[in-house]
């Protein structure tokens, strides 16, 4: 490569960098300045997640999608093994680690239903469909919800009469 082409490349690089800085300066100049808040005012505190009664360990971050996926995998293992309490704990942890994620509620409902916790299972299935209204298994879950509602109503009649 000769000296002239090296100089041209250097000039092109410098021009590109200068253009970038100019663009950034123009972009930032059009933006309004951020609002200044008094130093004495505290920022608003985030609302707590009220989906489940379980609490994360203090050293665990609230939003942790990787942990949620791992909790789901381990929860499914426990569910298939038959350890319903461990499965329920894992699905509840997954729901806390990734709020707004519907899948833990489907599995949570299944584990609760198998354990005989019909009211809890009903709530979990309803929450699943609230979060994921176009679920592929929507019809199946709606049938489970109808069945659970009928069983709960039947048990109310037995206890009342």
Protein backbone atom coordinates (compact mmCIF):
# COMPACT_ATOMS: atom_id res chain seq x y z
CA UNK A 1 0.00 0.00 0.00
CA UNK A 2 1.50 3.32 -0.94
CA UNK A 3 1.76 6.40 1.19
CA UNK A 4 -1.03 8.29 -0.62
CA UNK A 5 -3.60 5.54 -0.07
CA UNK A 6 -2.62 5.29 3.62
CA UNK A 7 -3.15 9.02 3.99
CA UNK A 8 -6.51 8.80 2.26
CA UNK A 9 -7.62 5.99 4.59
CA UNK A 10 -6.53 7.96 7.64
CA UNK A 11 -8.42 11.02 6.43
CA UNK A 12 -11.51 8.88 5.75
CA UNK A 13 -11.37 7.44 9.27
CA UNK A 14 -10.98 10.88 10.81
CA UNK A 15 -13.90 12.16 8.74
CA UNK A 16 -16.07 9.23 9.81
CA UNK A 17 -15.25 9.80 13.48
CA UNK A 18 -15.91 13.54 13.14
CA UNK A 19 -19.26 12.79 11.49
CA UNK A 20 -20.17 10.49 14.36
CA UNK A 21 -19.35 13.15 16.94
CA UNK A 22 -21.28 15.76 14.98
CA UNK A 23 -24.29 13.45 14.74
CA UNK A 24 -24.12 12.72 18.48
CA UNK A 25 -23.86 16.41 19.31
CA UNK A 26 -26.86 17.24 17.12
CA UNK A 27 -28.87 14.36 18.54
CA UNK A 28 -28.16 15.36 22.13
CA UNK A 29 -28.81 19.04 21.43
CA UNK A 30 -32.38 18.26 20.29
CA UNK A 31 -33.19 16.36 23.47
CA UNK A 32 -34.65 18.23 26.42
CA UNK A 33 -32.54 18.36 29.55
CA UNK A 34 -33.54 15.81 32.18
CA UNK A 35 -35.76 17.14 34.91
CA UNK A 36 -33.87 17.99 38.04
CA UNK A 37 -35.29 16.63 41.26
CA UNK A 38 -34.47 18.04 44.67
CA UNK A 39 -31.77 16.08 46.46
CA UNK A 40 -34.01 15.63 49.51
CA UNK A 41 -36.80 13.85 47.61
CA UNK A 42 -36.62 10.04 47.73
CA UNK A 43 -37.36 8.09 44.56
CA UNK A 44 -40.67 6.19 44.62
CA UNK A 45 -40.34 2.67 45.95
CA UNK A 46 -41.28 -0.19 43.60
CA UNK A 47 -44.46 -2.08 44.37
CA UNK A 48 -43.86 -5.59 45.68
CA UNK A 49 -44.78 -8.63 43.60
CA UNK A 50 -47.95 -10.02 45.18
CA UNK A 51 -48.41 -13.08 42.95
CA UNK A 52 -47.26 -15.58 45.57
CA UNK A 53 -46.77 -15.73 49.29
CA UNK A 54 -43.30 -17.26 49.00
CA UNK A 55 -40.30 -14.99 49.36
CA UNK A 56 -36.92 -15.26 47.68
CA UNK A 57 -33.84 -15.69 49.78
CA UNK A 58 -32.31 -12.27 50.55
CA UNK A 59 -29.31 -12.98 48.34
CA UNK A 60 -31.45 -13.77 45.28
CA UNK A 61 -32.38 -11.02 42.82
CA UNK A 62 -36.10 -10.57 42.15
CA UNK A 63 -35.84 -10.52 38.34
CA UNK A 64 -33.81 -13.54 37.25
CA UNK A 65 -35.16 -15.21 34.08
CA UNK A 66 -32.36 -17.80 34.00
CA UNK A 67 -33.18 -18.89 37.53
CA UNK A 68 -36.87 -19.00 36.58
CA UNK A 69 -36.12 -21.36 33.70
CA UNK A 70 -33.98 -23.56 35.95
CA UNK A 71 -36.73 -23.58 38.61
CA UNK A 72 -39.18 -24.71 35.92
CA UNK A 73 -36.93 -27.57 34.84
CA UNK A 74 -36.36 -28.75 38.39
CA UNK A 75 -40.05 -28.30 39.22
CA UNK A 76 -41.02 -30.46 36.24
CA UNK A 77 -38.58 -33.12 37.43
CA UNK A 78 -40.15 -33.11 40.90
CA UNK A 79 -43.65 -33.14 39.40
CA UNK A 80 -42.90 -36.24 37.32
CA UNK A 81 -41.12 -37.85 40.28
CA UNK A 82 -44.22 -37.27 42.43
CA UNK A 83 -42.71 -34.84 44.94
CA UNK A 84 -45.55 -32.33 44.69
CA UNK A 85 -44.44 -30.06 47.55
CA UNK A 86 -40.99 -29.56 46.01
CA UNK A 87 -42.54 -29.00 42.58
CA UNK A 88 -44.96 -26.39 43.95
CA UNK A 89 -42.09 -24.57 45.69
CA UNK A 90 -40.04 -24.48 42.47
CA UNK A 91 -42.94 -23.26 40.33
CA UNK A 92 -43.72 -20.51 42.86
CA UNK A 93 -40.06 -19.46 42.84
CA UNK A 94 -40.07 -19.39 39.03
CA UNK A 95 -43.13 -17.14 39.06
CA UNK A 96 -41.38 -14.76 41.47
CA UNK A 97 -38.09 -14.78 39.56
CA UNK A 98 -39.79 -13.83 36.29
CA UNK A 99 -43.02 -11.91 36.97
CA UNK A 100 -45.44 -11.95 34.07
CA UNK A 101 -44.21 -15.36 32.87
CA UNK A 102 -47.25 -17.59 32.40
CA UNK A 103 -45.71 -21.06 32.17
CA UNK A 104 -44.95 -21.49 35.92
CA UNK A 105 -48.64 -20.97 36.67
CA UNK A 106 -49.71 -23.78 34.34
CA UNK A 107 -47.33 -26.23 36.03
CA UNK A 108 -48.19 -24.84 39.46
CA UNK A 109 -51.87 -25.48 38.76
CA UNK A 110 -51.11 -29.02 37.66
CA UNK A 111 -49.09 -29.78 40.81
CA UNK A 112 -51.70 -28.20 43.07
CA UNK A 113 -54.47 -30.12 41.34
CA UNK A 114 -52.61 -33.41 41.82
CA UNK A 115 -52.11 -32.57 45.49
CA UNK A 116 -55.83 -31.84 45.93
CA UNK A 117 -55.45 -28.08 46.38
CA UNK A 118 -58.38 -27.33 44.10
CA UNK A 119 -58.84 -23.65 44.96
CA UNK A 120 -55.14 -22.92 44.54
CA UNK A 121 -55.04 -24.86 41.28
CA UNK A 122 -58.04 -22.90 40.00
CA UNK A 123 -56.29 -19.59 40.81
CA UNK A 124 -53.08 -20.75 39.11
CA UNK A 125 -54.87 -21.84 35.93
CA UNK A 126 -56.81 -18.58 35.78
CA UNK A 127 -53.59 -16.60 36.27
CA UNK A 128 -51.96 -18.64 33.47
CA UNK A 129 -54.72 -17.70 31.03
CA UNK A 130 -54.68 -14.08 32.19
CA UNK A 131 -50.98 -13.86 31.35
CA UNK A 132 -51.20 -15.98 28.18
CA UNK A 133 -54.70 -15.53 26.70
CA UNK A 134 -53.75 -17.10 23.35
CA UNK A 135 -52.15 -20.24 24.81
CA UNK A 136 -52.11 -23.30 22.58
CA UNK A 137 -53.65 -25.34 25.40
CA UNK A 138 -56.28 -22.72 26.25
CA UNK A 139 -59.24 -25.06 25.61
CA UNK A 140 -57.69 -27.79 27.76
CA UNK A 141 -57.01 -25.34 30.62
CA UNK A 142 -60.54 -23.88 30.37
CA UNK A 143 -61.93 -27.42 30.75
CA UNK A 144 -59.75 -27.91 33.84
CA UNK A 145 -61.04 -24.61 35.24
CA UNK A 146 -64.67 -25.67 34.65
CA UNK A 147 -64.01 -29.06 36.25
CA UNK A 148 -62.35 -27.49 39.30
CA UNK A 149 -65.17 -24.96 39.71
CA UNK A 150 -67.71 -27.79 39.59
CA UNK A 151 -65.75 -29.84 42.14
CA UNK A 152 -65.41 -26.85 44.48
CA UNK A 153 -69.14 -26.08 44.19
CA UNK A 154 -69.95 -29.75 44.83
CA UNK A 155 -67.78 -29.83 47.95
CA UNK A 156 -69.47 -26.64 49.20
CA UNK A 157 -72.88 -28.29 48.84
CA UNK A 158 -71.70 -31.39 50.72
CA UNK A 159 -70.32 -29.34 53.59
CA UNK A 160 -73.45 -27.16 53.73
CA UNK A 161 -75.93 -30.04 53.59
